[in-house]
């Protein structure tokens, strides 16, 4: 751990850096990836220049081949007895040589085009390497996922933290009330019903709220040690079901409300 950028009970905003791990390895990896990307870009430029040169060679070779073919046709148009066999053989050899040079130039151009394709693939791979290195570097800075206050900060600069270890808590600014109503009180309660909430920490003030949702199961079902209703156990216990109430009152932000505080809700049933 290189730096701890917040203190206990400090208010933070979404995206604010909380801690900074030693990032030298990740920074070196990013620099290496960026160098590889720049090298891949240079290879594309070289490959494109080579392909342009090869294309020019194809044009030159094609011109030479056309000239040789025209010379051959011109010699053939002349009376065969007016020219020597040696001259005909020379023209024929010139055509063969020009054709060979043209074919070689075309093959070279094709090879350069393939080199461009390979260089483009290498550039794409280098771009992925840079993105991955940037991602790994971003992991060295932990930021706040939401607005809220820091609580139970246990991390200290210079410590070596194990993967998955808790560093601190973050209590979000968005608070709600979980009201555990008896199952016999649930009939008639539905999402959207208006409600009021009084909080012991803010005496004398009643906050407006509404029913957001009703848990699909009793509180006992989702507890760490759920009750076991063994066969023969006929003791009936009224269960409680958590009902989530969300505040509709802007005054909530004025008070230092925290999870675990005592509250007394009241729901107005709608006919």
C-alpha atoms as a PDB file:
ATOM      1  CA  UNK A   1       0.000   0.000   0.000  1.00  0.00           C
ATOM      2  CA  UNK A   2       1.626   3.237  -1.150  1.00  0.00           C
ATOM      3  CA  UNK A   3      -0.905   5.847  -0.002  1.00  0.00           C
ATOM      4  CA  UNK A   4      -4.113   6.062   1.983  1.00  0.00           C
ATOM      5  CA  UNK A   5      -5.918   9.149   0.749  1.00  0.00           C
ATOM      6  CA  UNK A   6      -8.871   9.315   3.159  1.00  0.00           C
ATOM      7  CA  UNK A   7      -9.467   9.227   6.888  1.00  0.00           C
ATOM      8  CA  UNK A   8     -12.173   7.766   9.105  1.00  0.00           C
ATOM      9  CA  UNK A   9     -15.607   9.416   8.813  1.00  0.00           C
ATOM     10  CA  UNK A  10     -14.481  11.546   5.865  1.00  0.00           C
ATOM     11  CA  UNK A  11     -17.141  12.274   3.246  1.00  0.00           C
ATOM     12  CA  UNK A  12     -16.206  11.177  -0.272  1.00  0.00           C
ATOM     13  CA  UNK A  13     -17.819  11.475  -3.685  1.00  0.00           C
ATOM     14  CA  UNK A  14     -18.205   8.954  -6.475  1.00  0.00           C
ATOM     15  CA  UNK A  15     -14.890   8.315  -8.229  1.00  0.00           C
ATOM     16  CA  UNK A  16     -12.752   9.937  -5.528  1.00  0.00           C
ATOM     17  CA  UNK A  17      -9.467   8.006  -4.981  1.00  0.00           C
ATOM     18  CA  UNK A  18      -9.383   6.220  -1.629  1.00  0.00           C
ATOM     19  CA  UNK A  19      -6.114   4.270  -1.664  1.00  0.00           C
ATOM     20  CA  UNK A  20      -3.142   3.963  -4.002  1.00  0.00           C
ATOM     21  CA  UNK A  21      -1.160   0.731  -4.303  1.00  0.00           C
ATOM     22  CA  UNK A  22       2.474   0.615  -5.439  1.00  0.00           C
ATOM     23  CA  UNK A  23       2.060   0.936  -9.207  1.00  0.00           C
ATOM     24  CA  UNK A  24       5.674   0.798 -10.428  1.00  0.00           C
ATOM     25  CA  UNK A  25       5.321  -2.645 -12.013  1.00  0.00           C
ATOM     26  CA  UNK A  26       2.101  -1.664 -13.769  1.00  0.00           C
ATOM     27  CA  UNK A  27       3.598   1.631 -14.952  1.00  0.00           C
ATOM     28  CA  UNK A  28       6.582  -0.219 -16.424  1.00  0.00           C
ATOM     29  CA  UNK A  29       4.262  -2.687 -18.139  1.00  0.00           C
ATOM     30  CA  UNK A  30       2.258   0.197 -19.614  1.00  0.00           C
ATOM     31  CA  UNK A  31       5.408   1.919 -20.880  1.00  0.00           C
ATOM     32  CA  UNK A  32       6.520  -1.335 -22.514  1.00  0.00           C
ATOM     33  CA  UNK A  33       3.106  -1.820 -24.132  1.00  0.00           C
ATOM     34  CA  UNK A  34       3.095   1.749 -25.432  1.00  0.00           C
ATOM     35  CA  UNK A  35       6.579   1.267 -26.893  1.00  0.00           C
ATOM     36  CA  UNK A  36       5.362  -1.891 -28.615  1.00  0.00           C
ATOM     37  CA  UNK A  37       2.402   0.024 -30.017  1.00  0.00           C
ATOM     38  CA  UNK A  38       4.652   2.756 -31.404  1.00  0.00           C
ATOM     39  CA  UNK A  39       6.934   0.121 -32.924  1.00  0.00           C
ATOM     40  CA  UNK A  40       3.928  -1.534 -34.571  1.00  0.00           C
ATOM     41  CA  UNK A  41       2.896   1.831 -36.019  1.00  0.00           C
ATOM     42  CA  UNK A  42       6.399   2.295 -37.440  1.00  0.00           C
ATOM     43  CA  UNK A  43       6.290  -1.178 -38.968  1.00  0.00           C
ATOM     44  CA  UNK A  44       3.080  -0.286 -40.800  1.00  0.00           C
ATOM     45  CA  UNK A  45       4.704   2.850 -42.227  1.00  0.00           C
ATOM     46  CA  UNK A  46       7.713   0.816 -43.410  1.00  0.00           C
ATOM     47  CA  UNK A  47       5.469  -1.882 -44.882  1.00  0.00           C
ATOM     48  CA  UNK A  48       3.387   0.709 -46.726  1.00  0.00           C
ATOM     49  CA  UNK A  49       6.538   2.338 -48.130  1.00  0.00           C
ATOM     50  CA  UNK A  50       7.842  -1.041 -49.277  1.00  0.00           C
ATOM     51  CA  UNK A  51       4.505  -1.829 -50.910  1.00  0.00           C
ATOM     52  CA  UNK A  52       4.530   1.507 -52.738  1.00  0.00           C
ATOM     53  CA  UNK A  53       8.042   0.797 -54.011  1.00  0.00           C
ATOM     54  CA  UNK A  54       6.982  -2.689 -55.099  1.00  0.00           C
ATOM     55  CA  UNK A  55       3.965  -1.238 -56.915  1.00  0.00           C
ATOM     56  CA  UNK A  56       6.261   1.176 -58.769  1.00  0.00           C
ATOM     57  CA  UNK A  57       8.515  -1.735 -59.733  1.00  0.00           C
ATOM     58  CA  UNK A  58       5.465  -3.545 -61.131  1.00  0.00           C
ATOM     59  CA  UNK A  59       4.674  -0.534 -63.322  1.00  0.00           C
ATOM     60  CA  UNK A  60       8.263  -0.382 -64.606  1.00  0.00           C
ATOM     61  CA  UNK A  61       8.400  -4.128 -65.230  1.00  0.00           C
ATOM     62  CA  UNK A  62       5.057  -4.042 -67.009  1.00  0.00           C
ATOM     63  CA  UNK A  63       6.269  -1.225 -69.273  1.00  0.00           C
ATOM     64  CA  UNK A  64       9.409  -3.198 -70.136  1.00  0.00           C
ATOM     65  CA  UNK A  65       7.317  -6.285 -70.893  1.00  0.00           C
ATOM     66  CA  UNK A  66       4.977  -4.336 -73.169  1.00  0.00           C
ATOM     67  CA  UNK A  67       7.951  -2.830 -75.004  1.00  0.00           C
ATOM     68  CA  UNK A  68       9.500  -6.257 -75.510  1.00  0.00           C
ATOM     69  CA  UNK A  69       6.217  -7.654 -76.817  1.00  0.00           C
ATOM     70  CA  UNK A  70       5.872  -4.761 -79.260  1.00  0.00           C
ATOM     71  CA  UNK A  71       9.432  -5.320 -80.503  1.00  0.00           C
ATOM     72  CA  UNK A  72       8.691  -8.998 -80.995  1.00  0.00           C
ATOM     73  CA  UNK A  73       5.513  -8.255 -82.954  1.00  0.00           C
ATOM     74  CA  UNK A  74       7.358  -5.700 -85.069  1.00  0.00           C
ATOM     75  CA  UNK A  75      10.099  -8.190 -85.927  1.00  0.00           C
ATOM     76  CA  UNK A  76       7.509 -10.777 -86.886  1.00  0.00           C
ATOM     77  CA  UNK A  77       5.771  -8.288 -89.154  1.00  0.00           C
ATOM     78  CA  UNK A  78       8.984  -7.905 -91.148  1.00  0.00           C
ATOM     79  CA  UNK A  79       9.893 -10.371 -93.880  1.00  0.00           C
ATOM     80  CA  UNK A  80      11.544 -13.260 -92.073  1.00  0.00           C
ATOM     81  CA  UNK A  81      14.379 -13.259 -94.638  1.00  0.00           C
ATOM     82  CA  UNK A  82      15.170  -9.626 -93.856  1.00  0.00           C
ATOM     83  CA  UNK A  83      16.253 -10.337 -90.266  1.00  0.00           C
ATOM     84  CA  UNK A  84      18.620 -12.863 -88.809  1.00  0.00           C
ATOM     85  CA  UNK A  85      17.634 -15.757 -86.582  1.00  0.00           C
ATOM     86  CA  UNK A  86      19.950 -14.328 -83.952  1.00  0.00           C
ATOM     87  CA  UNK A  87      17.881 -11.131 -83.823  1.00  0.00           C
ATOM     88  CA  UNK A  88      14.648 -13.104 -83.407  1.00  0.00           C
ATOM     89  CA  UNK A  89      16.199 -15.182 -80.659  1.00  0.00           C
ATOM     90  CA  UNK A  90      17.379 -12.007 -78.911  1.00  0.00           C
ATOM     91  CA  UNK A  91      13.888 -10.472 -79.004  1.00  0.00           C
ATOM     92  CA  UNK A  92      12.341 -13.696 -77.716  1.00  0.00           C
ATOM     93  CA  UNK A  93      14.844 -13.819 -74.855  1.00  0.00           C
ATOM     94  CA  UNK A  94      14.098 -10.197 -74.024  1.00  0.00           C
ATOM     95  CA  UNK A  95      10.380 -11.009 -73.727  1.00  0.00           C
ATOM     96  CA  UNK A  96      11.102 -13.965 -71.445  1.00  0.00           C
ATOM     97  CA  UNK A  97      13.352 -11.869 -69.227  1.00  0.00           C
ATOM     98  CA  UNK A  98      10.813  -9.031 -69.079  1.00  0.00           C
ATOM     99  CA  UNK A  99       8.031 -11.500 -68.233  1.00  0.00           C
ATOM    100  CA  UNK A 100      10.134 -13.012 -65.442  1.00  0.00           C
ATOM    101  CA  UNK A 101      10.912  -9.573 -63.996  1.00  0.00           C
ATOM    102  CA  UNK A 102       7.235  -8.611 -64.156  1.00  0.00           C
ATOM    103  CA  UNK A 103       6.138 -11.799 -62.382  1.00  0.00           C
ATOM    104  CA  UNK A 104       8.798 -11.268 -59.719  1.00  0.00           C
ATOM    105  CA  UNK A 105       7.661  -7.658 -59.217  1.00  0.00           C
ATOM    106  CA  UNK A 106       4.025  -8.758 -58.830  1.00  0.00           C
ATOM    107  CA  UNK A 107       5.027 -11.410 -56.291  1.00  0.00           C
ATOM    108  CA  UNK A 108       7.043  -8.831 -54.389  1.00  0.00           C
ATOM    109  CA  UNK A 109       4.057  -6.470 -54.312  1.00  0.00           C
ATOM    110  CA  UNK A 110       1.807  -9.265 -53.043  1.00  0.00           C
ATOM    111  CA  UNK A 111       4.361 -10.032 -50.339  1.00  0.00           C
ATOM    112  CA  UNK A 112       4.438  -6.371 -49.295  1.00  0.00           C
ATOM    113  CA  UNK A 113       0.633  -6.271 -49.136  1.00  0.00           C
ATOM    114  CA  UNK A 114       0.715  -9.344 -46.900  1.00  0.00           C
ATOM    115  CA  UNK A 115       3.328  -7.586 -44.763  1.00  0.00           C
ATOM    116  CA  UNK A 116       0.955  -4.626 -44.367  1.00  0.00           C
ATOM    117  CA  UNK A 117      -1.833  -6.975 -43.249  1.00  0.00           C
ATOM    118  CA  UNK A 118       0.508  -8.620 -40.735  1.00  0.00           C
ATOM    119  CA  UNK A 119       1.668  -5.212 -39.472  1.00  0.00           C
ATOM    120  CA  UNK A 120      -1.943  -4.089 -39.029  1.00  0.00           C
ATOM    121  CA  UNK A 121      -2.685  -7.237 -37.022  1.00  0.00           C
ATOM    122  CA  UNK A 122       0.399  -6.577 -34.893  1.00  0.00           C
ATOM    123  CA  UNK A 123      -0.795  -3.003 -34.329  1.00  0.00           C
ATOM    124  CA  UNK A 124      -4.222  -4.245 -33.220  1.00  0.00           C
ATOM    125  CA  UNK A 125      -2.574  -6.686 -30.798  1.00  0.00           C
ATOM    126  CA  UNK A 126      -0.321  -3.923 -29.472  1.00  0.00           C
ATOM    127  CA  UNK A 127      -3.374  -1.720 -28.937  1.00  0.00           C
ATOM    128  CA  UNK A 128      -4.985  -4.489 -26.880  1.00  0.00           C
ATOM    129  CA  UNK A 129      -1.773  -4.798 -24.844  1.00  0.00           C
ATOM    130  CA  UNK A 130      -1.856  -1.064 -24.105  1.00  0.00           C
ATOM    131  CA  UNK A 131      -5.516  -1.228 -23.063  1.00  0.00           C
ATOM    132  CA  UNK A 132      -4.810  -4.196 -20.786  1.00  0.00           C
ATOM    133  CA  UNK A 133      -1.803  -2.442 -19.230  1.00  0.00           C
ATOM    134  CA  UNK A 134      -3.928   0.659 -18.612  1.00  0.00           C
ATOM    135  CA  UNK A 135      -6.595  -1.519 -17.006  1.00  0.00           C
ATOM    136  CA  UNK A 136      -4.057  -3.192 -14.725  1.00  0.00           C
ATOM    137  CA  UNK A 137      -2.688   0.226 -13.770  1.00  0.00           C
ATOM    138  CA  UNK A 138      -6.198   1.466 -12.955  1.00  0.00           C
ATOM    139  CA  UNK A 139      -6.575  -1.403 -10.485  1.00  0.00           C
ATOM    140  CA  UNK A 140      -3.807   0.124  -8.351  1.00  0.00           C
ATOM    141  CA  UNK A 141      -6.129   3.004  -7.442  1.00  0.00           C
ATOM    142  CA  UNK A 142      -9.343   2.203  -5.591  1.00  0.00           C
ATOM    143  CA  UNK A 143     -12.035   4.847  -5.926  1.00  0.00           C
ATOM    144  CA  UNK A 144     -15.319   5.431  -4.134  1.00  0.00           C
ATOM    145  CA  UNK A 145     -18.191   3.612  -5.877  1.00  0.00           C
ATOM    146  CA  UNK A 146     -20.757   6.046  -4.464  1.00  0.00           C
ATOM    147  CA  UNK A 147     -21.137   9.186  -2.384  1.00  0.00           C
ATOM    148  CA  UNK A 148     -20.840   8.488   1.316  1.00  0.00           C
ATOM    149  CA  UNK A 149     -18.676   8.460   4.429  1.00  0.00           C
ATOM    150  CA  UNK A 150     -15.666   6.314   5.231  1.00  0.00           C
ATOM    151  CA  UNK A 151     -16.003   4.042   8.253  1.00  0.00           C
ATOM    152  CA  UNK A 152     -13.822   1.434   9.945  1.00  0.00           C
ATOM    153  CA  UNK A 153     -10.718   2.216   7.950  1.00  0.00           C
ATOM    154  CA  UNK A 154      -8.175  -0.487   8.757  1.00  0.00           C
ATOM    155  CA  UNK A 155      -5.583  -0.014   6.014  1.00  0.00           C
ATOM    156  CA  UNK A 156      -2.299   1.795   6.598  1.00  0.00           C
ATOM    157  CA  UNK A 157       0.364   2.969   4.164  1.00  0.00           C
ATOM    158  CA  UNK A 158       3.232   0.504   3.809  1.00  0.00           C
ATOM    159  CA  UNK A 159       1.146  -2.567   4.571  1.00  0.00           C
ATOM    160  CA  UNK A 160       0.974  -5.560   2.261  1.00  0.00           C
ATOM    161  CA  UNK A 161      -2.672  -6.336   1.617  1.00  0.00           C
ATOM    162  CA  UNK A 162      -3.952  -9.795   0.716  1.00  0.00           C
ATOM    163  CA  UNK A 163      -6.352 -10.171  -2.227  1.00  0.00           C
ATOM    164  CA  UNK A 164      -9.924  -9.771  -1.048  1.00  0.00           C
ATOM    165  CA  UNK A 165      -8.962  -8.158   2.252  1.00  0.00           C
ATOM    166  CA  UNK A 166     -11.273  -5.433   3.551  1.00  0.00           C
ATOM    167  CA  UNK A 167      -9.635  -2.015   3.624  1.00  0.00           C
ATOM    168  CA  UNK A 168     -12.446   0.225   4.851  1.00  0.00           C
ATOM    169  CA  UNK A 169     -16.190   0.620   4.876  1.00  0.00           C
ATOM    170  CA  UNK A 170     -18.235   3.106   2.879  1.00  0.00           C
ATOM    171  CA  UNK A 171     -21.634   4.189   4.153  1.00  0.00           C
ATOM    172  CA  UNK A 172     -23.619   5.637   1.264  1.00  0.00           C
ATOM    173  CA  UNK A 173     -25.517   8.893   1.502  1.00  0.00           C
ATOM    174  CA  UNK A 174     -28.664   7.164   0.259  1.00  0.00           C
ATOM    175  CA  UNK A 175     -30.411   5.773   3.342  1.00  0.00           C
ATOM    176  CA  UNK A 176     -33.665   3.897   3.728  1.00  0.00           C
ATOM    177  CA  UNK A 177     -35.642   2.182   6.474  1.00  0.00           C
ATOM    178  CA  UNK A 178     -36.140  -1.553   6.832  1.00  0.00           C
ATOM    179  CA  UNK A 179     -39.337  -2.097   8.790  1.00  0.00           C
ATOM    180  CA  UNK A 180     -39.866  -5.645  10.061  1.00  0.00           C
ATOM    181  CA  UNK A 181     -43.645  -6.063  10.025  1.00  0.00           C
ATOM    182  CA  UNK A 182     -45.452  -9.106  11.340  1.00  0.00           C
ATOM    183  CA  UNK A 183     -46.745 -11.385   8.635  1.00  0.00           C
ATOM    184  CA  UNK A 184     -50.252 -10.726   9.933  1.00  0.00           C
ATOM    185  CA  UNK A 185     -49.773  -7.010   9.209  1.00  0.00           C
ATOM    186  CA  UNK A 186     -48.815  -7.476   5.555  1.00  0.00           C
ATOM    187  CA  UNK A 187     -52.303  -7.697   4.010  1.00  0.00           C
ATOM    188  CA  UNK A 188     -53.020  -4.358   2.387  1.00  0.00           C
ATOM    189  CA  UNK A 189     -49.393  -3.195   2.280  1.00  0.00           C
ATOM    190  CA  UNK A 190     -48.119  -2.714  -1.252  1.00  0.00           C
ATOM    191  CA  UNK A 191     -45.329  -0.792  -2.995  1.00  0.00           C
ATOM    192  CA  UNK A 192     -46.152   2.881  -3.370  1.00  0.00           C
ATOM    193  CA  UNK A 193     -48.141   3.217  -0.150  1.00  0.00           C
ATOM    194  CA  UNK A 194     -47.310   6.486   1.660  1.00  0.00           C
ATOM    195  CA  UNK A 195     -45.552   6.274   5.002  1.00  0.00           C
ATOM    196  CA  UNK A 196     -44.017   8.394   7.715  1.00  0.00           C
ATOM    197  CA  UNK A 197     -40.869   7.734   9.722  1.00  0.00           C
ATOM    198  CA  UNK A 198     -39.665   9.139  13.017  1.00  0.00           C
ATOM    199  CA  UNK A 199     -36.046   8.610  14.014  1.00  0.00           C
ATOM    200  CA  UNK A 200     -34.761   8.596  17.582  1.00  0.00           C
ATOM    201  CA  UNK A 201     -31.636  10.513  16.527  1.00  0.00           C
ATOM    202  CA  UNK A 202     -33.821  13.332  15.166  1.00  0.00           C
ATOM    203  CA  UNK A 203     -36.573  13.800  17.769  1.00  0.00           C
ATOM    204  CA  UNK A 204     -39.619  15.863  16.971  1.00  0.00           C
ATOM    205  CA  UNK A 205     -39.377  15.493  13.186  1.00  0.00           C
ATOM    206  CA  UNK A 206     -41.524  13.225  11.019  1.00  0.00           C
ATOM    207  CA  UNK A 207     -40.128  12.322   7.608  1.00  0.00           C
ATOM    208  CA  UNK A 208     -42.240  11.456   4.592  1.00  0.00           C
ATOM    209  CA  UNK A 209     -41.552   8.141   2.859  1.00  0.00           C
ATOM    210  CA  UNK A 210     -43.205   5.415   0.803  1.00  0.00           C
ATOM    211  CA  UNK A 211     -43.131   1.643   0.540  1.00  0.00           C
ATOM    212  CA  UNK A 212     -40.493   0.684  -2.009  1.00  0.00           C
ATOM    213  CA  UNK A 213     -40.673  -3.116  -1.843  1.00  0.00           C
ATOM    214  CA  UNK A 214     -41.538  -6.112   0.321  1.00  0.00           C
ATOM    215  CA  UNK A 215     -38.981  -8.862   0.805  1.00  0.00           C
ATOM    216  CA  UNK A 216     -39.896 -12.216  -0.749  1.00  0.00           C
ATOM    217  CA  UNK A 217     -39.359 -14.155   2.452  1.00  0.00           C
ATOM    218  CA  UNK A 218     -39.265 -13.691   6.193  1.00  0.00           C
ATOM    219  CA  UNK A 219     -36.240 -12.354   7.966  1.00  0.00           C
ATOM    220  CA  UNK A 220     -35.595 -15.753   9.534  1.00  0.00           C
ATOM    221  CA  UNK A 221     -35.278 -17.440   6.135  1.00  0.00           C
ATOM    222  CA  UNK A 222     -32.314 -15.271   5.141  1.00  0.00           C
ATOM    223  CA  UNK A 223     -30.578 -15.245   8.528  1.00  0.00           C
ATOM    224  CA  UNK A 224     -27.162 -16.882   8.996  1.00  0.00           C
ATOM    225  CA  UNK A 225     -28.786 -19.614  11.090  1.00  0.00           C
ATOM    226  CA  UNK A 226     -32.336 -20.069   9.757  1.00  0.00           C
ATOM    227  CA  UNK A 227     -34.833 -21.656  12.108  1.00  0.00           C
ATOM    228  CA  UNK A 228     -35.334 -25.405  11.692  1.00  0.00           C
ATOM    229  CA  UNK A 229     -38.993 -26.385  11.952  1.00  0.00           C
ATOM    230  CA  UNK A 230     -38.504 -30.039  12.789  1.00  0.00           C
ATOM    231  CA  UNK A 231     -41.354 -32.531  12.568  1.00  0.00           C
ATOM    232  CA  UNK A 232     -43.331 -32.477  15.796  1.00  0.00           C
ATOM    233  CA  UNK A 233     -42.568 -28.834  16.579  1.00  0.00           C
ATOM    234  CA  UNK A 234     -46.046 -27.349  16.828  1.00  0.00           C
ATOM    235  CA  UNK A 235     -45.080 -24.043  18.439  1.00  0.00           C
ATOM    236  CA  UNK A 236     -46.336 -21.348  16.100  1.00  0.00           C
ATOM    237  CA  UNK A 237     -44.260 -18.164  15.988  1.00  0.00           C
ATOM    238  CA  UNK A 238     -45.452 -15.163  14.028  1.00  0.00           C
ATOM    239  CA  UNK A 239     -42.742 -14.300  11.518  1.00  0.00           C
ATOM    240  CA  UNK A 240     -41.630 -10.852  10.470  1.00  0.00           C
ATOM    241  CA  UNK A 241     -41.098  -9.713   6.888  1.00  0.00           C
ATOM    242  CA  UNK A 242     -38.762  -6.807   6.018  1.00  0.00           C
ATOM    243  CA  UNK A 243     -40.471  -3.935   4.207  1.00  0.00           C
ATOM    244  CA  UNK A 244     -38.227  -1.336   2.567  1.00  0.00           C
ATOM    245  CA  UNK A 245     -39.277   2.302   2.999  1.00  0.00           C
ATOM    246  CA  UNK A 246     -37.626   5.007   0.888  1.00  0.00           C
ATOM    247  CA  UNK A 247     -37.586   8.642   2.013  1.00  0.00           C
ATOM    248  CA  UNK A 248     -39.413  11.294  -0.010  1.00  0.00           C
ATOM    249  CA  UNK A 249     -38.247  14.075   2.306  1.00  0.00           C
ATOM    250  CA  UNK A 250     -35.352  16.349   1.274  1.00  0.00           C
ATOM    251  CA  UNK A 251     -34.695  17.155   4.929  1.00  0.00           C
ATOM    252  CA  UNK A 252     -33.063  13.738   5.381  1.00  0.00           C
ATOM    253  CA  UNK A 253     -29.821  15.099   3.885  1.00  0.00           C
ATOM    254  CA  UNK A 254     -29.586  17.693   6.659  1.00  0.00           C
ATOM    255  CA  UNK A 255     -29.115  15.091   9.380  1.00  0.00           C
ATOM    256  CA  UNK A 256     -26.343  12.635  10.082  1.00  0.00           C
ATOM    257  CA  UNK A 257     -28.374   9.456   9.617  1.00  0.00           C
ATOM    258  CA  UNK A 258     -26.476   6.181   9.734  1.00  0.00           C
ATOM    259  CA  UNK A 259     -27.287   2.474   9.347  1.00  0.00           C
ATOM    260  CA  UNK A 260     -28.469   0.815  12.547  1.00  0.00           C
ATOM    261  CA  UNK A 261     -30.305   3.803  14.011  1.00  0.00           C
ATOM    262  CA  UNK A 262     -33.701   3.210  15.569  1.00  0.00           C
ATOM    263  CA  UNK A 263     -36.730   4.363  13.596  1.00  0.00           C
ATOM    264  CA  UNK A 264     -40.482   4.064  13.960  1.00  0.00           C
ATOM    265  CA  UNK A 265     -42.368   3.750  10.663  1.00  0.00           C
ATOM    266  CA  UNK A 266     -46.061   4.137   9.970  1.00  0.00           C
ATOM    267  CA  UNK A 267     -47.682   3.062   6.690  1.00  0.00           C
ATOM    268  CA  UNK A 268     -50.967   4.488   5.447  1.00  0.00           C
ATOM    269  CA  UNK A 269     -52.869   1.704   3.711  1.00  0.00           C
ATOM    270  CA  UNK A 270     -54.530   2.627   0.440  1.00  0.00           C
ATOM    271  CA  UNK A 271     -58.014   1.334  -0.275  1.00  0.00           C
END
